[in-house]
Amino acid sequence: MIANHKQLEVTQEQLRRLELALAELRSSASETEFRSQAPPVIEHIHRLRNEIDTYLGISEMESLLI
Protein backbone atom coordinates (compact mmCIF):
# COMPACT_ATOMS: atom_id res chain seq x y z
CA MET A 1 0.00 0.00 0.00
CA ILE A 2 1.34 3.39 -1.00
CA ALA A 3 1.39 5.83 1.91
CA ASN A 4 3.28 8.87 0.60
CA HIS A 5 4.66 10.57 -2.50
CA LYS A 6 8.07 8.86 -2.28
CA GLN A 7 6.41 5.45 -2.25
CA LEU A 8 4.30 6.55 -5.22
CA GLU A 9 7.45 7.41 -7.16
CA VAL A 10 9.06 4.07 -6.29
CA THR A 11 5.93 2.18 -7.33
CA GLN A 12 5.72 4.10 -10.61
CA GLU A 13 9.35 3.20 -11.34
CA GLN A 14 8.66 -0.46 -10.56
CA LEU A 15 5.68 -0.35 -12.90
CA ARG A 16 7.78 1.22 -15.67
CA ARG A 17 10.43 -1.48 -15.33
CA LEU A 18 7.86 -4.28 -15.40
CA GLU A 19 6.23 -2.82 -18.50
CA LEU A 20 9.61 -2.60 -20.23
CA ALA A 21 10.40 -6.19 -19.23
CA LEU A 22 7.05 -7.34 -20.59
CA ALA A 23 7.65 -5.49 -23.86
CA GLU A 24 11.09 -7.08 -24.15
CA LEU A 25 9.63 -10.52 -23.46
CA ARG A 26 6.93 -9.88 -26.07
CA SER A 27 9.49 -9.04 -28.73
CA SER A 28 12.07 -11.71 -27.92
CA ALA A 29 10.11 -14.78 -26.80
CA SER A 30 8.14 -17.22 -28.85
CA GLU A 31 4.37 -17.14 -28.45
CA THR A 32 4.52 -20.25 -26.25
CA GLU A 33 7.24 -18.77 -24.04
CA PHE A 34 5.36 -15.48 -23.79
CA ARG A 35 2.12 -17.22 -22.79
CA SER A 36 3.90 -19.15 -20.07
CA GLN A 37 6.09 -16.34 -18.70
CA ALA A 38 3.90 -13.24 -19.06
CA PRO A 39 0.98 -13.95 -16.68
CA PRO A 40 2.86 -13.35 -13.39
CA VAL A 41 4.38 -10.16 -14.81
CA ILE A 42 0.97 -8.97 -15.99
CA GLU A 43 -0.56 -9.76 -12.60
CA HIS A 44 2.16 -7.73 -10.88
CA ILE A 45 1.53 -4.83 -13.29
CA HIS A 46 -2.17 -4.94 -12.43
CA ARG A 47 -1.42 -4.91 -8.69
CA LEU A 48 0.90 -1.93 -8.98
CA ARG A 49 -1.57 -0.02 -11.16
CA ASN A 50 -4.30 -0.72 -8.61
CA GLU A 51 -2.08 0.56 -5.77
CA ILE A 52 -1.32 3.74 -7.73
CA ASP A 53 -5.00 4.25 -8.59
CA THR A 54 -5.98 3.77 -4.96
CA TYR A 55 -3.36 6.22 -3.69
CA LEU A 56 -4.34 8.86 -6.27
CA GLY A 57 -8.05 8.43 -5.56
CA ILE A 58 -8.85 7.17 -9.05
CA SER A 59 -10.53 4.01 -7.80
CA GLU A 60 -12.75 6.00 -5.46
CA MET A 61 -13.72 8.49 -8.16
CA GLU A 62 -14.50 5.74 -10.67
CA SER A 63 -16.95 4.17 -8.24
CA LEU A 64 -18.74 7.53 -7.95
CA LEU A 65 -19.00 7.88 -11.72
CA ILE A 66 -20.62 4.51 -12.27
C-alpha atoms as a PDB file:
ATOM      1  CA  MET A   1       0.000   0.000   0.000  1.00  0.00           C
ATOM      2  CA  ILE A   2       1.343   3.390  -0.996  1.00  0.00           C
ATOM      3  CA  ALA A   3       1.388   5.834   1.909  1.00  0.00           C
ATOM      4  CA  ASN A   4       3.281   8.869   0.595  1.00  0.00           C
ATOM      5  CA  HIS A   5       4.662  10.566  -2.501  1.00  0.00           C
ATOM      6  CA  LYS A   6       8.065   8.865  -2.283  1.00  0.00           C
ATOM      7  CA  GLN A   7       6.409   5.448  -2.252  1.00  0.00           C
ATOM      8  CA  LEU A   8       4.300   6.553  -5.223  1.00  0.00           C
ATOM      9  CA  GLU A   9       7.452   7.406  -7.161  1.00  0.00           C
ATOM     10  CA  VAL A  10       9.062   4.067  -6.289  1.00  0.00           C
ATOM     11  CA  THR A  11       5.932   2.182  -7.331  1.00  0.00           C
ATOM     12  CA  GLN A  12       5.723   4.104 -10.608  1.00  0.00           C
ATOM     13  CA  GLU A  13       9.349   3.200 -11.338  1.00  0.00           C
ATOM     14  CA  GLN A  14       8.659  -0.465 -10.558  1.00  0.00           C
ATOM     15  CA  LEU A  15       5.679  -0.350 -12.904  1.00  0.00           C
ATOM     16  CA  ARG A  16       7.776   1.219 -15.665  1.00  0.00           C
ATOM     17  CA  ARG A  17      10.426  -1.483 -15.326  1.00  0.00           C
ATOM     18  CA  LEU A  18       7.862  -4.283 -15.400  1.00  0.00           C
ATOM     19  CA  GLU A  19       6.230  -2.820 -18.501  1.00  0.00           C
ATOM     20  CA  LEU A  20       9.607  -2.600 -20.225  1.00  0.00           C
ATOM     21  CA  ALA A  21      10.399  -6.188 -19.229  1.00  0.00           C
ATOM     22  CA  LEU A  22       7.049  -7.338 -20.591  1.00  0.00           C
ATOM     23  CA  ALA A  23       7.651  -5.485 -23.860  1.00  0.00           C
ATOM     24  CA  GLU A  24      11.092  -7.079 -24.152  1.00  0.00           C
ATOM     25  CA  LEU A  25       9.629 -10.516 -23.461  1.00  0.00           C
ATOM     26  CA  ARG A  26       6.933  -9.880 -26.069  1.00  0.00           C
ATOM     27  CA  SER A  27       9.490  -9.039 -28.731  1.00  0.00           C
ATOM     28  CA  SER A  28      12.065 -11.712 -27.917  1.00  0.00           C
ATOM     29  CA  ALA A  29      10.110 -14.781 -26.800  1.00  0.00           C
ATOM     30  CA  SER A  30       8.143 -17.220 -28.853  1.00  0.00           C
ATOM     31  CA  GLU A  31       4.367 -17.138 -28.453  1.00  0.00           C
ATOM     32  CA  THR A  32       4.525 -20.246 -26.254  1.00  0.00           C
ATOM     33  CA  GLU A  33       7.235 -18.765 -24.041  1.00  0.00           C
ATOM     34  CA  PHE A  34       5.359 -15.484 -23.788  1.00  0.00           C
ATOM     35  CA  ARG A  35       2.125 -17.219 -22.789  1.00  0.00           C
ATOM     36  CA  SER A  36       3.905 -19.154 -20.066  1.00  0.00           C
ATOM     37  CA  GLN A  37       6.086 -16.340 -18.699  1.00  0.00           C
ATOM     38  CA  ALA A  38       3.896 -13.245 -19.063  1.00  0.00           C
ATOM     39  CA  PRO A  39       0.979 -13.955 -16.682  1.00  0.00           C
ATOM     40  CA  PRO A  40       2.856 -13.347 -13.394  1.00  0.00           C
ATOM     41  CA  VAL A  41       4.382 -10.159 -14.807  1.00  0.00           C
ATOM     42  CA  ILE A  42       0.971  -8.966 -15.992  1.00  0.00           C
ATOM     43  CA  GLU A  43      -0.561  -9.756 -12.602  1.00  0.00           C
ATOM     44  CA  HIS A  44       2.159  -7.731 -10.875  1.00  0.00           C
ATOM     45  CA  ILE A  45       1.531  -4.833 -13.289  1.00  0.00           C
ATOM     46  CA  HIS A  46      -2.175  -4.941 -12.426  1.00  0.00           C
ATOM     47  CA  ARG A  47      -1.419  -4.915  -8.692  1.00  0.00           C
ATOM     48  CA  LEU A  48       0.901  -1.930  -8.984  1.00  0.00           C
ATOM     49  CA  ARG A  49      -1.573  -0.018 -11.161  1.00  0.00           C
ATOM     50  CA  ASN A  50      -4.297  -0.722  -8.605  1.00  0.00           C
ATOM     51  CA  GLU A  51      -2.083   0.559  -5.771  1.00  0.00           C
ATOM     52  CA  ILE A  52      -1.323   3.738  -7.733  1.00  0.00           C
ATOM     53  CA  ASP A  53      -5.000   4.251  -8.592  1.00  0.00           C
ATOM     54  CA  THR A  54      -5.982   3.770  -4.960  1.00  0.00           C
ATOM     55  CA  TYR A  55      -3.364   6.225  -3.688  1.00  0.00           C
ATOM     56  CA  LEU A  56      -4.337   8.861  -6.274  1.00  0.00           C
ATOM     57  CA  GLY A  57      -8.049   8.427  -5.564  1.00  0.00           C
ATOM     58  CA  ILE A  58      -8.849   7.172  -9.054  1.00  0.00           C
ATOM     59  CA  SER A  59     -10.526   4.006  -7.799  1.00  0.00           C
ATOM     60  CA  GLU A  60     -12.748   5.999  -5.459  1.00  0.00           C
ATOM     61  CA  MET A  61     -13.723   8.493  -8.163  1.00  0.00           C
ATOM     62  CA  GLU A  62     -14.505   5.743 -10.668  1.00  0.00           C
ATOM     63  CA  SER A  63     -16.955   4.166  -8.244  1.00  0.00           C
ATOM     64  CA  LEU A  64     -18.738   7.532  -7.954  1.00  0.00           C
ATOM     65  CA  LEU A  65     -19.004   7.876 -11.721  1.00  0.00           C
ATOM     66  CA  ILE A  66     -20.615   4.507 -12.273  1.00  0.00           C
END
